[in-house]
Amino acid sequence: MNSHRLAALALLAVLCTACGSTPRTEYYLLAALAPPAADARGDGPSLGIAGLRVAEYLQRPEVATLESANRLRLRDYARWAEPVGDGIERTLVLNLASLLDSGRVRARPWPRDWTPEWQLRVDIARLDARGDTAELVAHWSLANAAGTRERSTRLTRARSGDDAEAVAADLSALLLELAERIAAAIGEA
């Protein structure tokens, strides 16, 4: 074998070895954490999520944390398993269905022949982790035949850890707290 071929094979072996050292990508989901209703009849009020808007900076596949007020850190090998807006919507639907003991909680589009008693619109302005705190800021409105109620909610909680799994768990807990506020507003009405 000539020396050029030997050098080329050695370089190829080094490149192949380097490819094997890339960390494995992990995928995370937001989780619905509301416990099932005690009597679980499923006949609570009907609720339709008529609109959900999520801040643009959250709409990325990587799990992100804030390093400072103006700097976002993307975790290259920690990704959301679904678009963040879809995960927030799914989590809210499941949490609210459980909290309201209702089998009639849906997100748009819903069937043409179905009209929910309540319509919910949510604007998620912040949902992130920074330092030792996780925070959610949301503006939301509930509408029914009697009118519309608008609210702003700012929730914070101590972070449970620094890894991406802890970030997903903390954000899930904040979404449960938001769902509890929404369910309480429906219950008050």
N, C-alpha and C. Protein backbone atom coordinates (compact mmCIF):
# COMPACT_ATOMS: atom_id res chain seq x y z
N MET A 1 0.84 -1.17 0.00
CA MET A 1 0.00 0.00 0.00
C MET A 1 0.89 1.24 0.00
N ASN A 2 0.52 2.21 -0.82
CA ASN A 2 1.35 3.40 -0.83
C ASN A 2 0.99 4.29 0.35
N SER A 3 1.84 5.24 0.61
CA SER A 3 1.67 6.10 1.80
C SER A 3 0.46 7.01 1.69
N HIS A 4 0.06 7.40 0.48
CA HIS A 4 -1.12 8.27 0.32
C HIS A 4 -2.40 7.53 0.68
N ARG A 5 -2.46 6.28 0.25
CA ARG A 5 -3.65 5.48 0.60
C ARG A 5 -3.71 5.23 2.10
N LEU A 6 -2.62 4.95 2.69
CA LEU A 6 -2.55 4.71 4.13
C LEU A 6 -2.97 5.96 4.90
N ALA A 7 -2.51 7.11 4.47
CA ALA A 7 -2.87 8.38 5.12
C ALA A 7 -4.37 8.64 4.96
N ALA A 8 -4.91 8.36 3.78
CA ALA A 8 -6.34 8.57 3.53
C ALA A 8 -7.18 7.65 4.42
N LEU A 9 -6.77 6.39 4.55
CA LEU A 9 -7.50 5.46 5.42
C LEU A 9 -7.42 5.88 6.88
N ALA A 10 -6.27 6.37 7.30
CA ALA A 10 -6.12 6.84 8.68
C ALA A 10 -7.02 8.05 8.93
N LEU A 11 -7.07 8.99 7.98
CA LEU A 11 -7.94 10.16 8.11
C LEU A 11 -9.40 9.74 8.16
N LEU A 12 -9.80 8.81 7.32
CA LEU A 12 -11.17 8.31 7.32
C LEU A 12 -11.52 7.66 8.66
N ALA A 13 -10.60 6.91 9.22
CA ALA A 13 -10.83 6.27 10.52
C ALA A 13 -11.02 7.32 11.61
N VAL A 14 -10.23 8.37 11.59
CA VAL A 14 -10.34 9.45 12.59
C VAL A 14 -11.69 10.14 12.44
N LEU A 15 -12.10 10.44 11.20
CA LEU A 15 -13.39 11.10 10.98
C LEU A 15 -14.54 10.23 11.43
N CYS A 16 -14.49 8.95 11.17
CA CYS A 16 -15.56 8.04 11.60
C CYS A 16 -15.62 7.96 13.11
N THR A 17 -14.50 7.98 13.78
CA THR A 17 -14.46 7.95 15.24
C THR A 17 -15.08 9.21 15.80
N ALA A 18 -14.80 10.37 15.20
CA ALA A 18 -15.36 11.63 15.67
C ALA A 18 -16.87 11.64 15.53
N CYS A 19 -17.42 11.05 14.49
CA CYS A 19 -18.86 11.00 14.30
C CYS A 19 -19.54 10.21 15.41
N GLY A 20 -18.90 9.22 15.94
CA GLY A 20 -19.47 8.39 16.99
C GLY A 20 -19.54 9.07 18.34
N SER A 21 -18.94 10.25 18.49
CA SER A 21 -18.92 10.90 19.79
C SER A 21 -20.01 11.94 19.96
N THR A 22 -20.89 12.12 18.99
CA THR A 22 -21.97 13.09 19.09
C THR A 22 -22.99 12.59 20.11
N PRO A 23 -23.37 13.46 21.07
CA PRO A 23 -24.36 13.03 22.06
C PRO A 23 -25.69 12.68 21.39
N ARG A 24 -26.41 11.81 22.00
CA ARG A 24 -27.71 11.39 21.50
C ARG A 24 -28.74 12.49 21.81
N THR A 25 -29.59 12.81 20.86
CA THR A 25 -30.64 13.80 21.07
C THR A 25 -31.75 13.18 21.91
N GLU A 26 -32.17 13.91 22.92
CA GLU A 26 -33.27 13.49 23.79
C GLU A 26 -34.50 14.35 23.47
N TYR A 27 -35.69 13.78 23.58
CA TYR A 27 -36.93 14.49 23.27
C TYR A 27 -37.80 14.57 24.52
N TYR A 28 -38.44 15.73 24.72
CA TYR A 28 -39.21 15.99 25.93
C TYR A 28 -40.62 16.46 25.58
N LEU A 29 -41.55 16.15 26.47
CA LEU A 29 -42.95 16.55 26.34
C LEU A 29 -43.38 17.36 27.54
N LEU A 30 -44.30 18.28 27.32
CA LEU A 30 -45.01 18.90 28.44
C LEU A 30 -46.05 17.88 28.88
N ALA A 31 -46.29 17.80 30.18
CA ALA A 31 -47.19 16.77 30.71
C ALA A 31 -48.38 17.39 31.41
N ALA A 32 -49.54 16.79 31.21
CA ALA A 32 -50.74 17.17 31.95
C ALA A 32 -50.64 16.53 33.34
N LEU A 33 -50.71 17.35 34.37
CA LEU A 33 -50.47 16.87 35.72
C LEU A 33 -51.70 16.86 36.61
N ALA A 34 -52.84 17.34 36.11
CA ALA A 34 -54.05 17.40 36.93
C ALA A 34 -54.52 15.98 37.26
N PRO A 35 -54.81 15.74 38.54
CA PRO A 35 -55.34 14.41 38.90
C PRO A 35 -56.77 14.26 38.37
N PRO A 36 -57.20 13.05 38.13
CA PRO A 36 -58.59 12.86 37.68
C PRO A 36 -59.56 13.34 38.75
N ALA A 37 -60.73 13.79 38.30
CA ALA A 37 -61.76 14.25 39.23
C ALA A 37 -62.17 13.11 40.15
N ALA A 38 -62.57 13.47 41.38
CA ALA A 38 -62.90 12.47 42.40
C ALA A 38 -64.03 11.54 41.96
N ASP A 39 -65.14 12.12 41.47
CA ASP A 39 -66.25 11.26 41.07
C ASP A 39 -66.21 10.92 39.58
N ALA A 40 -65.44 11.65 38.81
CA ALA A 40 -65.16 11.38 37.39
C ALA A 40 -66.40 10.99 36.59
N ARG A 41 -67.43 11.84 36.66
CA ARG A 41 -68.63 11.61 35.84
C ARG A 41 -68.44 12.15 34.44
N GLY A 42 -67.60 13.17 34.31
CA GLY A 42 -67.34 13.73 32.99
C GLY A 42 -68.42 14.65 32.47
N ASP A 43 -69.30 15.14 33.34
CA ASP A 43 -70.40 15.97 32.86
C ASP A 43 -70.22 17.45 33.22
N GLY A 44 -68.99 17.88 33.40
CA GLY A 44 -68.71 19.28 33.69
C GLY A 44 -69.00 20.16 32.48
N PRO A 45 -68.75 21.45 32.61
CA PRO A 45 -69.07 22.38 31.52
C PRO A 45 -68.24 22.13 30.28
N SER A 46 -68.80 22.51 29.14
CA SER A 46 -68.05 22.39 27.89
C SER A 46 -67.19 23.64 27.71
N LEU A 47 -65.98 23.42 27.22
CA LEU A 47 -65.02 24.51 27.04
C LEU A 47 -64.28 24.30 25.74
N GLY A 48 -64.21 25.35 24.95
CA GLY A 48 -63.46 25.30 23.71
C GLY A 48 -62.30 26.28 23.77
N ILE A 49 -61.10 25.79 23.45
CA ILE A 49 -59.96 26.70 23.34
C ILE A 49 -60.02 27.29 21.94
N ALA A 50 -60.53 28.53 21.89
CA ALA A 50 -60.79 29.19 20.62
C ALA A 50 -59.54 29.80 20.02
N GLY A 51 -58.56 30.07 20.86
CA GLY A 51 -57.33 30.66 20.35
C GLY A 51 -56.20 30.49 21.34
N LEU A 52 -55.02 30.18 20.81
CA LEU A 52 -53.82 30.08 21.63
C LEU A 52 -52.69 30.72 20.85
N ARG A 53 -52.06 31.70 21.46
CA ARG A 53 -50.91 32.35 20.84
C ARG A 53 -49.73 32.18 21.77
N VAL A 54 -48.59 31.81 21.21
CA VAL A 54 -47.38 31.55 21.99
C VAL A 54 -46.29 32.50 21.48
N ALA A 55 -45.57 33.11 22.41
CA ALA A 55 -44.50 34.04 22.04
C ALA A 55 -43.56 33.40 21.04
N GLU A 56 -43.12 34.17 20.09
CA GLU A 56 -42.27 33.68 19.00
C GLU A 56 -41.00 33.01 19.50
N TYR A 57 -40.38 33.56 20.55
CA TYR A 57 -39.10 33.00 21.00
C TYR A 57 -39.24 31.58 21.54
N LEU A 58 -40.46 31.18 21.90
CA LEU A 58 -40.68 29.82 22.40
C LEU A 58 -40.87 28.80 21.28
N GLN A 59 -41.14 29.27 20.10
CA GLN A 59 -41.48 28.38 19.00
C GLN A 59 -40.24 27.89 18.27
N ARG A 60 -39.54 27.00 18.93
CA ARG A 60 -38.34 26.38 18.36
C ARG A 60 -38.26 24.95 18.87
N PRO A 61 -37.58 24.09 18.16
CA PRO A 61 -37.54 22.69 18.58
C PRO A 61 -36.66 22.42 19.80
N GLU A 62 -35.67 23.27 20.04
CA GLU A 62 -34.76 23.02 21.16
C GLU A 62 -35.38 23.48 22.48
N VAL A 63 -35.10 22.74 23.54
CA VAL A 63 -35.46 23.20 24.88
C VAL A 63 -34.52 24.36 25.18
N ALA A 64 -35.09 25.46 25.65
CA ALA A 64 -34.30 26.66 25.88
C ALA A 64 -34.44 27.14 27.32
N THR A 65 -33.41 27.76 27.81
CA THR A 65 -33.46 28.44 29.10
C THR A 65 -32.91 29.84 28.90
N LEU A 66 -33.30 30.75 29.76
CA LEU A 66 -32.78 32.10 29.69
C LEU A 66 -31.51 32.18 30.51
N GLU A 67 -30.45 32.66 29.88
CA GLU A 67 -29.18 32.87 30.59
C GLU A 67 -29.20 34.22 31.30
N SER A 68 -29.90 35.17 30.70
CA SER A 68 -30.09 36.51 31.28
C SER A 68 -31.39 37.03 30.71
N ALA A 69 -31.72 38.26 31.03
CA ALA A 69 -32.97 38.83 30.52
C ALA A 69 -32.98 38.91 29.00
N ASN A 70 -31.80 38.96 28.39
CA ASN A 70 -31.71 39.16 26.94
C ASN A 70 -31.02 38.04 26.19
N ARG A 71 -30.67 36.96 26.85
CA ARG A 71 -29.92 35.89 26.18
C ARG A 71 -30.58 34.54 26.43
N LEU A 72 -30.86 33.85 25.32
CA LEU A 72 -31.50 32.54 25.36
C LEU A 72 -30.44 31.47 25.09
N ARG A 73 -30.45 30.41 25.88
CA ARG A 73 -29.53 29.29 25.66
C ARG A 73 -30.32 28.12 25.12
N LEU A 74 -29.96 27.68 23.91
CA LEU A 74 -30.61 26.53 23.29
C LEU A 74 -29.82 25.28 23.64
N ARG A 75 -30.51 24.25 24.02
CA ARG A 75 -29.87 22.97 24.34
C ARG A 75 -29.89 22.12 23.08
N ASP A 76 -28.72 22.01 22.44
CA ASP A 76 -28.61 21.37 21.13
C ASP A 76 -29.16 19.94 21.09
N TYR A 77 -29.01 19.19 22.16
CA TYR A 77 -29.39 17.78 22.13
C TYR A 77 -30.61 17.48 23.00
N ALA A 78 -31.33 18.56 23.38
CA ALA A 78 -32.59 18.42 24.12
C ALA A 78 -33.66 19.14 23.31
N ARG A 79 -34.60 18.39 22.78
CA ARG A 79 -35.60 18.96 21.89
C ARG A 79 -37.01 18.61 22.36
N TRP A 80 -37.94 19.47 21.98
CA TRP A 80 -39.35 19.18 22.24
C TRP A 80 -39.80 18.11 21.24
N ALA A 81 -40.61 17.20 21.70
CA ALA A 81 -41.10 16.10 20.85
C ALA A 81 -42.23 16.57 19.93
N GLU A 82 -42.76 17.76 20.16
CA GLU A 82 -43.82 18.33 19.34
C GLU A 82 -43.63 19.84 19.36
N PRO A 83 -44.24 20.57 18.43
CA PRO A 83 -44.15 22.03 18.50
C PRO A 83 -44.66 22.51 19.86
N VAL A 84 -44.00 23.49 20.44
CA VAL A 84 -44.33 23.94 21.80
C VAL A 84 -45.79 24.40 21.90
N GLY A 85 -46.28 25.11 20.90
CA GLY A 85 -47.68 25.54 20.93
C GLY A 85 -48.64 24.36 21.00
N ASP A 86 -48.34 23.31 20.24
CA ASP A 86 -49.18 22.10 20.28
C ASP A 86 -49.12 21.44 21.66
N GLY A 87 -47.93 21.42 22.25
CA GLY A 87 -47.78 20.82 23.58
C GLY A 87 -48.52 21.61 24.65
N ILE A 88 -48.46 22.93 24.57
CA ILE A 88 -49.19 23.78 25.53
C ILE A 88 -50.68 23.55 25.38
N GLU A 89 -51.17 23.53 24.14
CA GLU A 89 -52.59 23.33 23.89
C GLU A 89 -53.05 21.96 24.40
N ARG A 90 -52.30 20.92 24.07
CA ARG A 90 -52.65 19.56 24.51
C ARG A 90 -52.69 19.48 26.03
N THR A 91 -51.69 20.07 26.67
CA THR A 91 -51.60 20.04 28.13
C THR A 91 -52.76 20.80 28.77
N LEU A 92 -53.09 21.97 28.22
CA LEU A 92 -54.23 22.73 28.75
C LEU A 92 -55.54 21.95 28.59
N VAL A 93 -55.75 21.35 27.42
CA VAL A 93 -56.99 20.58 27.20
C VAL A 93 -57.10 19.45 28.23
N LEU A 94 -56.04 18.69 28.40
CA LEU A 94 -56.09 17.56 29.33
C LEU A 94 -56.24 18.01 30.78
N ASN A 95 -55.49 19.03 31.18
CA ASN A 95 -55.61 19.54 32.55
C ASN A 95 -57.00 20.09 32.82
N LEU A 96 -57.52 20.91 31.89
CA LEU A 96 -58.84 21.51 32.10
C LEU A 96 -59.95 20.45 32.10
N ALA A 97 -59.84 19.45 31.24
CA ALA A 97 -60.85 18.38 31.23
C ALA A 97 -60.89 17.68 32.58
N SER A 98 -59.72 17.45 33.15
CA SER A 98 -59.66 16.78 34.44
C SER A 98 -60.16 17.70 35.56
N LEU A 99 -59.70 18.95 35.57
CA LEU A 99 -60.09 19.89 36.63
C LEU A 99 -61.58 20.22 36.60
N LEU A 100 -62.15 20.28 35.40
CA LEU A 100 -63.58 20.59 35.26
C LEU A 100 -64.44 19.35 35.27
N ASP A 101 -63.82 18.17 35.34
CA ASP A 101 -64.52 16.89 35.22
C ASP A 101 -65.45 16.91 34.01
N SER A 102 -64.84 17.22 32.88
CA SER A 102 -65.61 17.36 31.66
C SER A 102 -65.00 16.56 30.52
N GLY A 103 -65.83 15.84 29.85
CA GLY A 103 -65.41 15.14 28.64
C GLY A 103 -65.60 16.03 27.42
N ARG A 104 -65.91 17.31 27.67
CA ARG A 104 -66.22 18.23 26.57
C ARG A 104 -65.29 19.44 26.58
N VAL A 105 -64.01 19.18 26.57
CA VAL A 105 -63.01 20.24 26.45
C VAL A 105 -62.25 19.96 25.16
N ARG A 106 -62.26 20.92 24.26
CA ARG A 106 -61.65 20.73 22.95
C ARG A 106 -60.91 21.99 22.53
N ALA A 107 -59.98 21.80 21.60
CA ALA A 107 -59.31 22.93 20.97
C ALA A 107 -59.84 23.06 19.55
N ARG A 108 -59.77 24.26 19.02
CA ARG A 108 -60.18 24.49 17.64
C ARG A 108 -59.29 23.77 16.68
N PRO A 109 -59.75 23.28 15.61
CA PRO A 109 -61.13 23.36 15.13
C PRO A 109 -62.01 22.30 15.80
N TRP A 110 -63.19 22.67 16.15
CA TRP A 110 -64.13 21.70 16.71
C TRP A 110 -65.28 21.51 15.72
N PRO A 111 -66.10 20.47 15.93
CA PRO A 111 -67.19 20.19 14.98
C PRO A 111 -68.14 21.37 14.84
N ARG A 112 -68.66 21.56 13.64
CA ARG A 112 -69.57 22.68 13.37
C ARG A 112 -70.83 22.64 14.23
N ASP A 113 -71.28 21.45 14.57
CA ASP A 113 -72.52 21.33 15.34
C ASP A 113 -72.30 21.39 16.85
N TRP A 114 -71.09 21.69 17.28
CA TRP A 114 -70.76 21.77 18.71
C TRP A 114 -70.49 23.22 19.09
N THR A 115 -71.20 23.72 20.09
CA THR A 115 -70.97 25.07 20.59
C THR A 115 -70.67 24.95 22.08
N PRO A 116 -69.43 25.26 22.48
CA PRO A 116 -69.09 25.14 23.90
C PRO A 116 -69.76 26.24 24.73
N GLU A 117 -70.01 25.92 25.99
CA GLU A 117 -70.57 26.91 26.91
C GLU A 117 -69.57 28.05 27.15
N TRP A 118 -68.30 27.69 27.16
CA TRP A 118 -67.22 28.65 27.41
C TRP A 118 -66.23 28.62 26.27
N GLN A 119 -65.70 29.78 25.92
CA GLN A 119 -64.61 29.85 24.95
C GLN A 119 -63.42 30.53 25.63
N LEU A 120 -62.28 29.92 25.47
CA LEU A 120 -61.05 30.39 26.10
C LEU A 120 -60.07 30.84 25.03
N ARG A 121 -59.46 31.99 25.26
CA ARG A 121 -58.35 32.47 24.42
C ARG A 121 -57.17 32.72 25.35
N VAL A 122 -56.00 32.25 24.94
CA VAL A 122 -54.80 32.36 25.78
C VAL A 122 -53.66 32.92 24.95
N ASP A 123 -52.94 33.86 25.53
CA ASP A 123 -51.74 34.42 24.93
C ASP A 123 -50.60 34.17 25.92
N ILE A 124 -49.69 33.25 25.57
CA ILE A 124 -48.54 32.93 26.43
C ILE A 124 -47.42 33.90 26.05
N ALA A 125 -47.15 34.86 26.93
CA ALA A 125 -46.10 35.85 26.67
C ALA A 125 -44.74 35.34 27.11
N ARG A 126 -44.72 34.55 28.20
CA ARG A 126 -43.47 33.94 28.68
C ARG A 126 -43.78 32.57 29.25
N LEU A 127 -42.86 31.67 29.02
CA LEU A 127 -42.91 30.34 29.63
C LEU A 127 -41.48 29.84 29.58
N ASP A 128 -40.73 30.12 30.63
CA ASP A 128 -39.31 29.81 30.57
C ASP A 128 -38.71 29.60 31.95
N ALA A 129 -37.47 29.16 31.92
CA ALA A 129 -36.70 28.92 33.14
C ALA A 129 -35.44 29.78 33.08
N ARG A 130 -35.14 30.43 34.20
CA ARG A 130 -33.93 31.24 34.29
C ARG A 130 -33.43 31.17 35.72
N GLY A 131 -32.14 30.94 35.86
CA GLY A 131 -31.57 30.86 37.21
C GLY A 131 -32.25 29.77 38.01
N ASP A 132 -32.80 30.13 39.15
CA ASP A 132 -33.46 29.14 40.00
C ASP A 132 -34.99 29.24 39.95
N THR A 133 -35.51 29.94 38.91
CA THR A 133 -36.95 30.19 38.82
C THR A 133 -37.49 29.82 37.44
N ALA A 134 -38.69 29.27 37.43
CA ALA A 134 -39.45 29.07 36.20
C ALA A 134 -40.63 30.03 36.24
N GLU A 135 -40.98 30.59 35.09
CA GLU A 135 -42.02 31.62 35.08
C GLU A 135 -42.94 31.46 33.88
N LEU A 136 -44.22 31.76 34.12
CA LEU A 136 -45.23 31.80 33.07
C LEU A 136 -45.95 33.13 33.17
N VAL A 137 -46.10 33.81 32.06
CA VAL A 137 -46.90 35.03 31.98
C VAL A 137 -47.91 34.80 30.86
N ALA A 138 -49.19 34.90 31.20
CA ALA A 138 -50.25 34.66 30.22
C ALA A 138 -51.36 35.68 30.39
N HIS A 139 -51.93 36.05 29.28
CA HIS A 139 -53.13 36.88 29.26
C HIS A 139 -54.21 35.98 28.67
N TRP A 140 -55.36 35.92 29.32
CA TRP A 140 -56.39 35.01 28.85
C TRP A 140 -57.78 35.61 29.05
N SER A 141 -58.70 35.11 28.26
CA SER A 141 -60.08 35.55 28.39
C SER A 141 -61.01 34.35 28.31
N LEU A 142 -62.07 34.43 29.07
CA LEU A 142 -63.13 33.42 29.07
C LEU A 142 -64.41 34.12 28.64
N ALA A 143 -65.09 33.55 27.66
CA ALA A 143 -66.34 34.13 27.20
C ALA A 143 -67.44 33.09 27.26
N ASN A 144 -68.62 33.55 27.67
CA ASN A 144 -69.82 32.72 27.60
C ASN A 144 -70.98 33.64 27.24
N ALA A 145 -72.21 33.15 27.33
CA ALA A 145 -73.37 33.95 26.94
C ALA A 145 -73.50 35.21 27.80
N ALA A 146 -72.98 35.19 29.01
CA ALA A 146 -73.11 36.34 29.92
C ALA A 146 -72.05 37.41 29.68
N GLY A 147 -71.01 37.11 28.92
CA GLY A 147 -69.98 38.11 28.66
C GLY A 147 -68.58 37.51 28.67
N THR A 148 -67.61 38.41 28.70
CA THR A 148 -66.20 38.02 28.63
C THR A 148 -65.47 38.52 29.87
N ARG A 149 -64.64 37.65 30.42
CA ARG A 149 -63.79 38.01 31.55
C ARG A 149 -62.34 37.91 31.08
N GLU A 150 -61.57 38.98 31.27
CA GLU A 150 -60.16 38.97 30.86
C GLU A 150 -59.28 38.97 32.10
N ARG A 151 -58.21 38.22 32.03
CA ARG A 151 -57.28 38.11 33.16
C ARG A 151 -55.84 38.09 32.66
N SER A 152 -54.96 38.49 33.54
CA SER A 152 -53.52 38.32 33.32
C SER A 152 -52.99 37.51 34.49
N THR A 153 -52.13 36.58 34.19
CA THR A 153 -51.58 35.70 35.22
C THR A 153 -50.07 35.65 35.09
N ARG A 154 -49.40 35.83 36.21
CA ARG A 154 -47.94 35.68 36.27
C ARG A 154 -47.68 34.65 37.37
N LEU A 155 -47.06 33.55 37.01
CA LEU A 155 -46.78 32.47 37.94
C LEU A 155 -45.29 32.20 37.97
N THR A 156 -44.75 31.98 39.15
CA THR A 156 -43.34 31.59 39.27
C THR A 156 -43.25 30.42 40.22
N ARG A 157 -42.19 29.66 40.05
CA ARG A 157 -41.93 28.54 40.96
C ARG A 157 -40.44 28.28 40.95
N ALA A 158 -39.97 27.70 42.04
CA ALA A 158 -38.55 27.32 42.12
C ALA A 158 -38.30 26.18 41.15
N ARG A 159 -37.18 26.23 40.46
CA ARG A 159 -36.83 25.16 39.53
C ARG A 159 -36.46 23.90 40.29
N SER A 160 -36.81 22.77 39.72
CA SER A 160 -36.53 21.49 40.36
C SER A 160 -35.18 20.91 39.94
N GLY A 161 -34.51 21.54 39.00
CA GLY A 161 -33.21 21.06 38.53
C GLY A 161 -32.76 21.85 37.32
N ASP A 162 -31.57 21.52 36.82
CA ASP A 162 -31.00 22.26 35.70
C ASP A 162 -31.11 21.54 34.36
N ASP A 163 -31.41 20.25 34.36
CA ASP A 163 -31.43 19.53 33.09
C ASP A 163 -32.74 19.77 32.35
N ALA A 164 -32.79 19.34 31.09
CA ALA A 164 -33.96 19.57 30.24
C ALA A 164 -35.21 18.87 30.79
N GLU A 165 -35.04 17.72 31.40
CA GLU A 165 -36.20 17.02 31.97
C GLU A 165 -36.82 17.85 33.10
N ALA A 166 -35.99 18.47 33.92
CA ALA A 166 -36.50 19.33 34.99
C ALA A 166 -37.19 20.56 34.41
N VAL A 167 -36.64 21.12 33.33
CA VAL A 167 -37.27 22.28 32.69
C VAL A 167 -38.67 21.88 32.21
N ALA A 168 -38.79 20.74 31.53
CA ALA A 168 -40.10 20.28 31.04
C ALA A 168 -41.07 20.06 32.20
N ALA A 169 -40.59 19.49 33.29
CA ALA A 169 -41.45 19.25 34.46
C ALA A 169 -41.90 20.56 35.09
N ASP A 170 -40.99 21.52 35.20
CA ASP A 170 -41.34 22.81 35.81
C ASP A 170 -42.33 23.58 34.96
N LEU A 171 -42.14 23.57 33.64
CA LEU A 171 -43.08 24.26 32.75
C LEU A 171 -44.44 23.57 32.77
N SER A 172 -44.45 22.25 32.87
CA SER A 172 -45.70 21.50 32.98
C SER A 172 -46.45 21.89 34.25
N ALA A 173 -45.71 22.04 35.35
CA ALA A 173 -46.34 22.44 36.63
C ALA A 173 -46.94 23.84 36.52
N LEU A 174 -46.26 24.75 35.82
CA LEU A 174 -46.80 26.09 35.64
C LEU A 174 -48.07 26.06 34.79
N LEU A 175 -48.11 25.21 33.77
CA LEU A 175 -49.31 25.09 32.95
C LEU A 175 -50.47 24.51 33.75
N LEU A 176 -50.18 23.62 34.68
CA LEU A 176 -51.24 23.12 35.57
C LEU A 176 -51.78 24.25 36.43
N GLU A 177 -50.90 25.09 36.99
CA GLU A 177 -51.36 26.22 37.80
C GLU A 177 -52.23 27.17 36.98
N LEU A 178 -51.85 27.41 35.73
CA LEU A 178 -52.68 28.26 34.87
C LEU A 178 -54.05 27.61 34.65
N ALA A 179 -54.07 26.32 34.37
CA ALA A 179 -55.34 25.61 34.18
C ALA A 179 -56.20 25.67 35.45
N GLU A 180 -55.57 25.59 36.61
CA GLU A 180 -56.32 25.71 37.88
C GLU A 180 -56.96 27.08 38.00
N ARG A 181 -56.26 28.12 37.61
CA ARG A 181 -56.83 29.49 37.64
C ARG A 181 -58.01 29.61 36.68
N ILE A 182 -57.86 29.05 35.50
CA ILE A 182 -58.94 29.10 34.51
C ILE A 182 -60.15 28.32 35.01
N ALA A 183 -59.94 27.13 35.53
CA ALA A 183 -61.03 26.30 36.05
C ALA A 183 -61.72 27.01 37.22
N ALA A 184 -60.95 27.67 38.08
CA ALA A 184 -61.55 28.40 39.21
C ALA A 184 -62.42 29.56 38.71
N ALA A 185 -61.97 30.24 37.66
CA ALA A 185 -62.77 31.33 37.10
C ALA A 185 -64.09 30.82 36.53
N ILE A 186 -64.07 29.66 35.91
CA ILE A 186 -65.30 29.05 35.41
C ILE A 186 -66.19 28.67 36.58
N GLY A 187 -65.60 28.09 37.62
CA GLY A 187 -66.37 27.70 38.80
C GLY A 187 -66.99 28.88 39.53
N GLU A 188 -66.33 30.03 39.54
CA GLU A 188 -66.86 31.24 40.19
C GLU A 188 -68.06 31.81 39.44
N ALA A 189 -68.12 31.55 38.13
CA ALA A 189 -69.15 32.18 37.31
C ALA A 189 -70.43 31.46 37.44
